Amino acid sequence: MKGVINVNYVKNIALILVIIGAINWGLIGFFKYDLVSSIFGDQWLSRIIFAIVGIAGLYAISLLFRNRASTQS
């Protein structure tokens, strides 16, 4: 069916973005190197990328609770 977004596709994109965010935070913590800002600059584009990764992180929290609810029932 056209126009319908596959839920697994959204989950995979969210998880990839969360992984990218985690790698970036690891680089910042260990080496004081911000990969996202290095690639996209310290401008508005980096802020958009950070916001998208943040939204993906919030969505990933909901996935965590969905998995717990499905295993308990």
PDB file of N, CA and C in Angstrom:
ATOM      1  N   MET A   1       0.837  -1.165   0.000  1.00  0.00           N
ATOM      2  CA  MET A   1       0.000   0.000   0.000  1.00  0.00           C
ATOM      3  C   MET A   1       0.892   1.241   0.000  1.00  0.00           C
ATOM      4  N   LYS A   2       0.651   2.133  -0.944  1.00  0.00           N
ATOM      5  CA  LYS A   2       1.463   3.349  -1.052  1.00  0.00           C
ATOM      6  C   LYS A   2       1.076   4.348   0.025  1.00  0.00           C
ATOM      7  N   GLY A   3       2.052   5.110   0.476  1.00  0.00           N
ATOM      8  CA  GLY A   3       1.811   6.161   1.446  1.00  0.00           C
ATOM      9  C   GLY A   3       1.875   5.709   2.892  1.00  0.00           C
ATOM     10  N   VAL A   4       1.967   4.421   3.121  1.00  0.00           N
ATOM     11  CA  VAL A   4       2.044   3.908   4.482  1.00  0.00           C
ATOM     12  C   VAL A   4       3.512   3.681   4.827  1.00  0.00           C
ATOM     13  N   ILE A   5       3.923   4.225   5.961  1.00  0.00           N
ATOM     14  CA  ILE A   5       5.308   4.077   6.403  1.00  0.00           C
ATOM     15  C   ILE A   5       5.418   2.781   7.193  1.00  0.00           C
ATOM     16  N   ASN A   6       6.354   1.957   6.814  1.00  0.00           N
ATOM     17  CA  ASN A   6       6.596   0.705   7.512  1.00  0.00           C
ATOM     18  C   ASN A   6       7.179   1.001   8.895  1.00  0.00           C
ATOM     19  N   VAL A   7       6.552   0.434   9.944  1.00  0.00           N
ATOM     20  CA  VAL A   7       6.984   0.694  11.318  1.00  0.00           C
ATOM     21  C   VAL A   7       8.408   0.209  11.543  1.00  0.00           C
ATOM     22  N   ASN A   8       8.780  -0.918  10.973  1.00  0.00           N
ATOM     23  CA  ASN A   8      10.143  -1.426  11.128  1.00  0.00           C
ATOM     24  C   ASN A   8      11.153  -0.467  10.519  1.00  0.00           C
ATOM     25  N   TYR A   9      10.788   0.173   9.422  1.00  0.00           N
ATOM     26  CA  TYR A   9      11.667   1.154   8.782  1.00  0.00           C
ATOM     27  C   TYR A   9      11.914   2.329   9.729  1.00  0.00           C
ATOM     28  N   VAL A  10      10.853   2.822  10.373  1.00  0.00           N
ATOM     29  CA  VAL A  10      10.979   3.940  11.310  1.00  0.00           C
ATOM     30  C   VAL A  10      11.830   3.523  12.511  1.00  0.00           C
ATOM     31  N   LYS A  11      11.601   2.312  13.024  1.00  0.00           N
ATOM     32  CA  LYS A  11      12.398   1.816  14.153  1.00  0.00           C
ATOM     33  C   LYS A  11      13.871   1.739  13.789  1.00  0.00           C
ATOM     34  N   ASN A  12      14.170   1.214  12.614  1.00  0.00           N
ATOM     35  CA  ASN A  12      15.568   1.085  12.186  1.00  0.00           C
ATOM     36  C   ASN A  12      16.234   2.446  12.027  1.00  0.00           C
ATOM     37  N   ILE A  13      15.541   3.397  11.430  1.00  0.00           N
ATOM     38  CA  ILE A  13      16.093   4.748  11.274  1.00  0.00           C
ATOM     39  C   ILE A  13      16.346   5.363  12.645  1.00  0.00           C
ATOM     40  N   ALA A  14      15.386   5.218  13.570  1.00  0.00           N
ATOM     41  CA  ALA A  14      15.552   5.771  14.911  1.00  0.00           C
ATOM     42  C   ALA A  14      16.747   5.134  15.615  1.00  0.00           C
ATOM     43  N   LEU A  15      16.889   3.826  15.506  1.00  0.00           N
ATOM     44  CA  LEU A  15      18.007   3.157  16.161  1.00  0.00           C
ATOM     45  C   LEU A  15      19.347   3.559  15.552  1.00  0.00           C
ATOM     46  N   ILE A  16      19.390   3.737  14.250  1.00  0.00           N
ATOM     47  CA  ILE A  16      20.627   4.195  13.594  1.00  0.00           C
ATOM     48  C   ILE A  16      20.996   5.590  14.089  1.00  0.00           C
ATOM     49  N   LEU A  17      20.002   6.471  14.200  1.00  0.00           N
ATOM     50  CA  LEU A  17      20.279   7.825  14.685  1.00  0.00           C
ATOM     51  C   LEU A  17      20.726   7.821  16.139  1.00  0.00           C
ATOM     52  N   VAL A  18      20.143   6.947  16.958  1.00  0.00           N
ATOM     53  CA  VAL A  18      20.563   6.848  18.356  1.00  0.00           C
ATOM     54  C   VAL A  18      22.002   6.341  18.440  1.00  0.00           C
ATOM     55  N   ILE A  19      22.358   5.387  17.589  1.00  0.00           N
ATOM     56  CA  ILE A  19      23.732   4.875  17.557  1.00  0.00           C
ATOM     57  C   ILE A  19      24.699   5.977  17.144  1.00  0.00           C
ATOM     58  N   ILE A  20      24.324   6.758  16.134  1.00  0.00           N
ATOM     59  CA  ILE A  20      25.168   7.872  15.706  1.00  0.00           C
ATOM     60  C   ILE A  20      25.355   8.858  16.854  1.00  0.00           C
ATOM     61  N   GLY A  21      24.270   9.155  17.571  1.00  0.00           N
ATOM     62  CA  GLY A  21      24.363  10.055  18.718  1.00  0.00           C
ATOM     63  C   GLY A  21      25.262   9.501  19.808  1.00  0.00           C
ATOM     64  N   ALA A  22      25.140   8.197  20.064  1.00  0.00           N
ATOM     65  CA  ALA A  22      25.974   7.573  21.105  1.00  0.00           C
ATOM     66  C   ALA A  22      27.448   7.603  20.717  1.00  0.00           C
ATOM     67  N   ILE A  23      27.738   7.333  19.462  1.00  0.00           N
ATOM     68  CA  ILE A  23      29.130   7.386  18.998  1.00  0.00           C
ATOM     69  C   ILE A  23      29.662   8.812  19.119  1.00  0.00           C
ATOM     70  N   ASN A  24      28.844   9.785  18.744  1.00  0.00           N
ATOM     71  CA  ASN A  24      29.280  11.177  18.843  1.00  0.00           C
ATOM     72  C   ASN A  24      29.551  11.558  20.295  1.00  0.00           C
ATOM     73  N   TRP A  25      28.667  11.167  21.226  1.00  0.00           N
ATOM     74  CA  TRP A  25      28.891  11.475  22.637  1.00  0.00           C
ATOM     75  C   TRP A  25      30.113  10.754  23.174  1.00  0.00           C
ATOM     76  N   GLY A  26      30.348   9.536  22.712  1.00  0.00           N
ATOM     77  CA  GLY A  26      31.563   8.821  23.120  1.00  0.00           C
ATOM     78  C   GLY A  26      32.812   9.536  22.663  1.00  0.00           C
ATOM     79  N   LEU A  27      32.791  10.014  21.422  1.00  0.00           N
ATOM     80  CA  LEU A  27      33.946  10.764  20.907  1.00  0.00           C
ATOM     81  C   LEU A  27      34.160  12.058  21.682  1.00  0.00           C
ATOM     82  N   ILE A  28      33.061  12.720  22.040  1.00  0.00           N
ATOM     83  CA  ILE A  28      33.177  13.945  22.828  1.00  0.00           C
ATOM     84  C   ILE A  28      33.754  13.627  24.204  1.00  0.00           C
ATOM     85  N   GLY A  29      33.235  12.571  24.825  1.00  0.00           N
ATOM     86  CA  GLY A  29      33.678  12.229  26.172  1.00  0.00           C
ATOM     87  C   GLY A  29      35.119  11.762  26.251  1.00  0.00           C
ATOM     88  N   PHE A  30      35.535  10.949  25.286  1.00  0.00           N
ATOM     89  CA  PHE A  30      36.886  10.391  25.331  1.00  0.00           C
ATOM     90  C   PHE A  30      37.940  11.298  24.703  1.00  0.00           C
ATOM     91  N   PHE A  31      37.574  11.962  23.623  1.00  0.00           N
ATOM     92  CA  PHE A  31      38.586  12.686  22.845  1.00  0.00           C
ATOM     93  C   PHE A  31      38.297  14.173  22.648  1.00  0.00           C
ATOM     94  N   LYS A  32      37.190  14.675  23.228  1.00  0.00           N
ATOM     95  CA  LYS A  32      36.766  16.065  23.027  1.00  0.00           C
ATOM     96  C   LYS A  32      36.652  16.406  21.536  1.00  0.00           C
ATOM     97  N   TYR A  33      36.097  15.451  20.776  1.00  0.00           N
ATOM     98  CA  TYR A  33      35.949  15.614  19.328  1.00  0.00           C
ATOM     99  C   TYR A  33      34.478  15.443  18.962  1.00  0.00           C
ATOM    100  N   ASP A  34      33.879  16.482  18.428  1.00  0.00           N
ATOM    101  CA  ASP A  34      32.471  16.451  18.026  1.00  0.00           C
ATOM    102  C   ASP A  34      32.384  16.148  16.536  1.00  0.00           C
ATOM    103  N   LEU A  35      32.072  14.910  16.216  1.00  0.00           N
ATOM    104  CA  LEU A  35      32.041  14.452  14.823  1.00  0.00           C
ATOM    105  C   LEU A  35      30.958  15.162  14.014  1.00  0.00           C
ATOM    106  N   VAL A  36      29.777  15.329  14.590  1.00  0.00           N
ATOM    107  CA  VAL A  36      28.673  15.964  13.861  1.00  0.00           C
ATOM    108  C   VAL A  36      29.027  17.408  13.506  1.00  0.00           C
ATOM    109  N   SER A  37      29.563  18.142  14.461  1.00  0.00           N
ATOM    110  CA  SER A  37      29.958  19.527  14.173  1.00  0.00           C
ATOM    111  C   SER A  37      31.125  19.592  13.196  1.00  0.00           C
ATOM    112  N   SER A  38      31.990  18.583  13.233  1.00  0.00           N
ATOM    113  CA  SER A  38      33.101  18.544  12.278  1.00  0.00           C
ATOM    114  C   SER A  38      32.605  18.331  10.853  1.00  0.00           C
ATOM    115  N   ILE A  39      31.577  17.504  10.707  1.00  0.00           N
ATOM    116  CA  ILE A  39      31.049  17.217   9.372  1.00  0.00           C
ATOM    117  C   ILE A  39      30.167  18.357   8.874  1.00  0.00           C
ATOM    118  N   PHE A  40      29.259  18.843   9.732  1.00  0.00           N
ATOM    119  CA  PHE A  40      28.254  19.803   9.290  1.00  0.00           C
ATOM    120  C   PHE A  40      28.556  21.235   9.697  1.00  0.00           C
ATOM    121  N   GLY A  41      29.629  21.454  10.430  1.00  0.00           N
ATOM    122  CA  GLY A  41      29.968  22.801  10.865  1.00  0.00           C
ATOM    123  C   GLY A  41      29.249  23.140  12.156  1.00  0.00           C
ATOM    124  N   ASP A  42      29.615  24.254  12.730  1.00  0.00           N
ATOM    125  CA  ASP A  42      29.037  24.674  14.009  1.00  0.00           C
ATOM    126  C   ASP A  42      27.855  25.610  13.776  1.00  0.00           C
ATOM    127  N   GLN A  43      27.079  25.344  12.760  1.00  0.00           N
ATOM    128  CA  GLN A  43      25.991  26.225  12.382  1.00  0.00           C
ATOM    129  C   GLN A  43      24.641  25.564  12.623  1.00  0.00           C
ATOM    130  N   TRP A  44      23.627  26.079  11.971  1.00  0.00           N
ATOM    131  CA  TRP A  44      22.255  25.618  12.139  1.00  0.00           C
ATOM    132  C   TRP A  44      22.070  24.180  11.689  1.00  0.00           C
ATOM    133  N   LEU A  45      22.843  23.710  10.715  1.00  0.00           N
ATOM    134  CA  LEU A  45      22.683  22.338  10.225  1.00  0.00           C
ATOM    135  C   LEU A  45      23.045  21.325  11.308  1.00  0.00           C
ATOM    136  N   SER A  46      24.083  21.598  12.066  1.00  0.00           N
ATOM    137  CA  SER A  46      24.444  20.718  13.182  1.00  0.00           C
ATOM    138  C   SER A  46      23.336  20.689  14.224  1.00  0.00           C
ATOM    139  N   ARG A  47      22.746  21.823  14.487  1.00  0.00           N
ATOM    140  CA  ARG A  47      21.652  21.873  15.468  1.00  0.00           C
ATOM    141  C   ARG A  47      20.460  21.068  14.998  1.00  0.00           C
ATOM    142  N   ILE A  48      20.180  21.103  13.704  1.00  0.00           N
ATOM    143  CA  ILE A  48      19.082  20.298  13.157  1.00  0.00           C
ATOM    144  C   ILE A  48      19.391  18.818  13.317  1.00  0.00           C
ATOM    145  N   ILE A  49      20.631  18.416  13.014  1.00  0.00           N
ATOM    146  CA  ILE A  49      21.035  17.013  13.168  1.00  0.00           C
ATOM    147  C   ILE A  49      20.907  16.589  14.624  1.00  0.00           C
ATOM    148  N   PHE A  50      21.378  17.421  15.554  1.00  0.00           N
ATOM    149  CA  PHE A  50      21.262  17.103  16.976  1.00  0.00           C
ATOM    150  C   PHE A  50      19.801  16.981  17.393  1.00  0.00           C
ATOM    151  N   ALA A  51      18.931  17.845  16.873  1.00  0.00           N
ATOM    152  CA  ALA A  51      17.505  17.784  17.209  1.00  0.00           C
ATOM    153  C   ALA A  51      16.875  16.496  16.684  1.00  0.00           C
ATOM    154  N   ILE A  52      17.236  16.098  15.473  1.00  0.00           N
ATOM    155  CA  ILE A  52      16.703  14.861  14.894  1.00  0.00           C
ATOM    156  C   ILE A  52      17.165  13.655  15.699  1.00  0.00           C
ATOM    157  N   VAL A  53      18.425  13.655  16.087  1.00  0.00           N
ATOM    158  CA  VAL A  53      18.951  12.559  16.913  1.00  0.00           C
ATOM    159  C   VAL A  53      18.249  12.536  18.267  1.00  0.00           C
ATOM    160  N   GLY A  54      17.965  13.709  18.826  1.00  0.00           N
ATOM    161  CA  GLY A  54      17.244  13.783  20.091  1.00  0.00           C
ATOM    162  C   GLY A  54      15.833  13.227  19.981  1.00  0.00           C
ATOM    163  N   ILE A  55      15.148  13.552  18.902  1.00  0.00           N
ATOM    164  CA  ILE A  55      13.802  13.010  18.677  1.00  0.00           C
ATOM    165  C   ILE A  55      13.865  11.491  18.523  1.00  0.00           C
ATOM    166  N   ALA A  56      14.882  11.009  17.819  1.00  0.00           N
ATOM    167  CA  ALA A  56      15.051   9.561  17.671  1.00  0.00           C
ATOM    168  C   ALA A  56      15.296   8.910  19.027  1.00  0.00           C
ATOM    169  N   GLY A  57      16.039   9.580  19.892  1.00  0.00           N
ATOM    170  CA  GLY A  57      16.272   9.055  21.236  1.00  0.00           C
ATOM    171  C   GLY A  57      14.988   8.957  22.042  1.00  0.00           C
ATOM    172  N   LEU A  58      14.130   9.969  21.928  1.00  0.00           N
ATOM    173  CA  LEU A  58      12.838   9.919  22.614  1.00  0.00           C
ATOM    174  C   LEU A  58      11.976   8.783  22.068  1.00  0.00           C
ATOM    175  N   TYR A  59      12.009   8.600  20.767  1.00  0.00           N
ATOM    176  CA  TYR A  59      11.263   7.491  20.162  1.00  0.00           C
ATOM    177  C   TYR A  59      11.833   6.152  20.632  1.00  0.00           C
ATOM    178  N   ALA A  60      13.142   6.052  20.769  1.00  0.00           N
ATOM    179  CA  ALA A  60      13.777   4.812  21.228  1.00  0.00           C
ATOM    180  C   ALA A  60      13.355   4.478  22.660  1.00  0.00           C
ATOM    181  N   ILE A  61      13.112   5.492  23.479  1.00  0.00           N
ATOM    182  CA  ILE A  61      12.608   5.243  24.836  1.00  0.00           C
ATOM    183  C   ILE A  61      11.253   4.544  24.757  1.00  0.00           C
ATOM    184  N   SER A  62      10.407   4.983  23.844  1.00  0.00           N
ATOM    185  CA  SER A  62       9.098   4.330  23.701  1.00  0.00           C
ATOM    186  C   SER A  62       9.258   2.887  23.229  1.00  0.00           C
ATOM    187  N   LEU A  63      10.258   2.607  22.410  1.00  0.00           N
ATOM    188  CA  LEU A  63      10.507   1.232  21.976  1.00  0.00           C
ATOM    189  C   LEU A  63      10.907   0.358  23.153  1.00  0.00           C
ATOM    190  N   LEU A  64      11.672   0.909  24.068  1.00  0.00           N
ATOM    191  CA  LEU A  64      12.089   0.166  25.251  1.00  0.00           C
ATOM    192  C   LEU A  64      10.878  -0.280  26.061  1.00  0.00           C
ATOM    193  N   PHE A  65       9.943   0.628  26.272  1.00  0.00           N
ATOM    194  CA  PHE A  65       8.763   0.292  27.061  1.00  0.00           C
ATOM    195  C   PHE A  65       7.807  -0.619  26.296  1.00  0.00           C
ATOM    196  N   ARG A  66       7.753  -0.509  24.986  1.00  0.00           N
ATOM    197  CA  ARG A  66       6.924  -1.424  24.189  1.00  0.00           C
ATOM    198  C   ARG A  66       7.450  -2.840  24.292  1.00  0.00           C
ATOM    199  N   ASN A  67       8.774  -2.995  24.249  1.00  0.00           N
ATOM    200  CA  ASN A  67       9.361  -4.326  24.363  1.00  0.00           C
ATOM    201  C   ASN A  67       9.078  -4.942  25.720  1.00  0.00           C
ATOM    202  N   ARG A  68       9.146  -4.150  26.765  1.00  0.00           N
ATOM    203  CA  ARG A  68       8.860  -4.656  28.111  1.00  0.00           C
ATOM    204  C   ARG A  68       7.412  -5.074  28.255  1.00  0.00           C
ATOM    205  N   ALA A  69       6.499  -4.283  27.703  1.00  0.00           N
ATOM    206  CA  ALA A  69       5.076  -4.588  27.814  1.00  0.00           C
ATOM    207  C   ALA A  69       4.716  -5.850  27.028  1.00  0.00           C
ATOM    208  N   SER A  70       5.354  -6.058  25.878  1.00  0.00           N
ATOM    209  CA  SER A  70       5.034  -7.229  25.056  1.00  0.00           C
ATOM    210  C   SER A  70       5.609  -8.512  25.662  1.00  0.00           C
ATOM    211  N   THR A  71       6.702  -8.435  26.398  1.00  0.00           N
ATOM    212  CA  THR A  71       7.281  -9.638  26.991  1.00  0.00           C
ATOM    213  C   THR A  71       6.581 -10.023  28.287  1.00  0.00           C
ATOM    214  N   GLN A  72       5.919  -9.068  28.955  1.00  0.00           N
ATOM    215  CA  GLN A  72       5.239  -9.362  30.202  1.00  0.00           C
ATOM    216  C   GLN A  72       3.853  -9.930  29.981  1.00  0.00           C
ATOM    217  N   SER A  73       3.252  -9.735  28.841  1.00  0.00           N
ATOM    218  CA  SER A  73       1.893 -10.230  28.615  1.00  0.00           C
ATOM    219  C   SER A  73       1.861 -11.588  27.967  1.00  0.00           C
TER     220      SER A  73
END
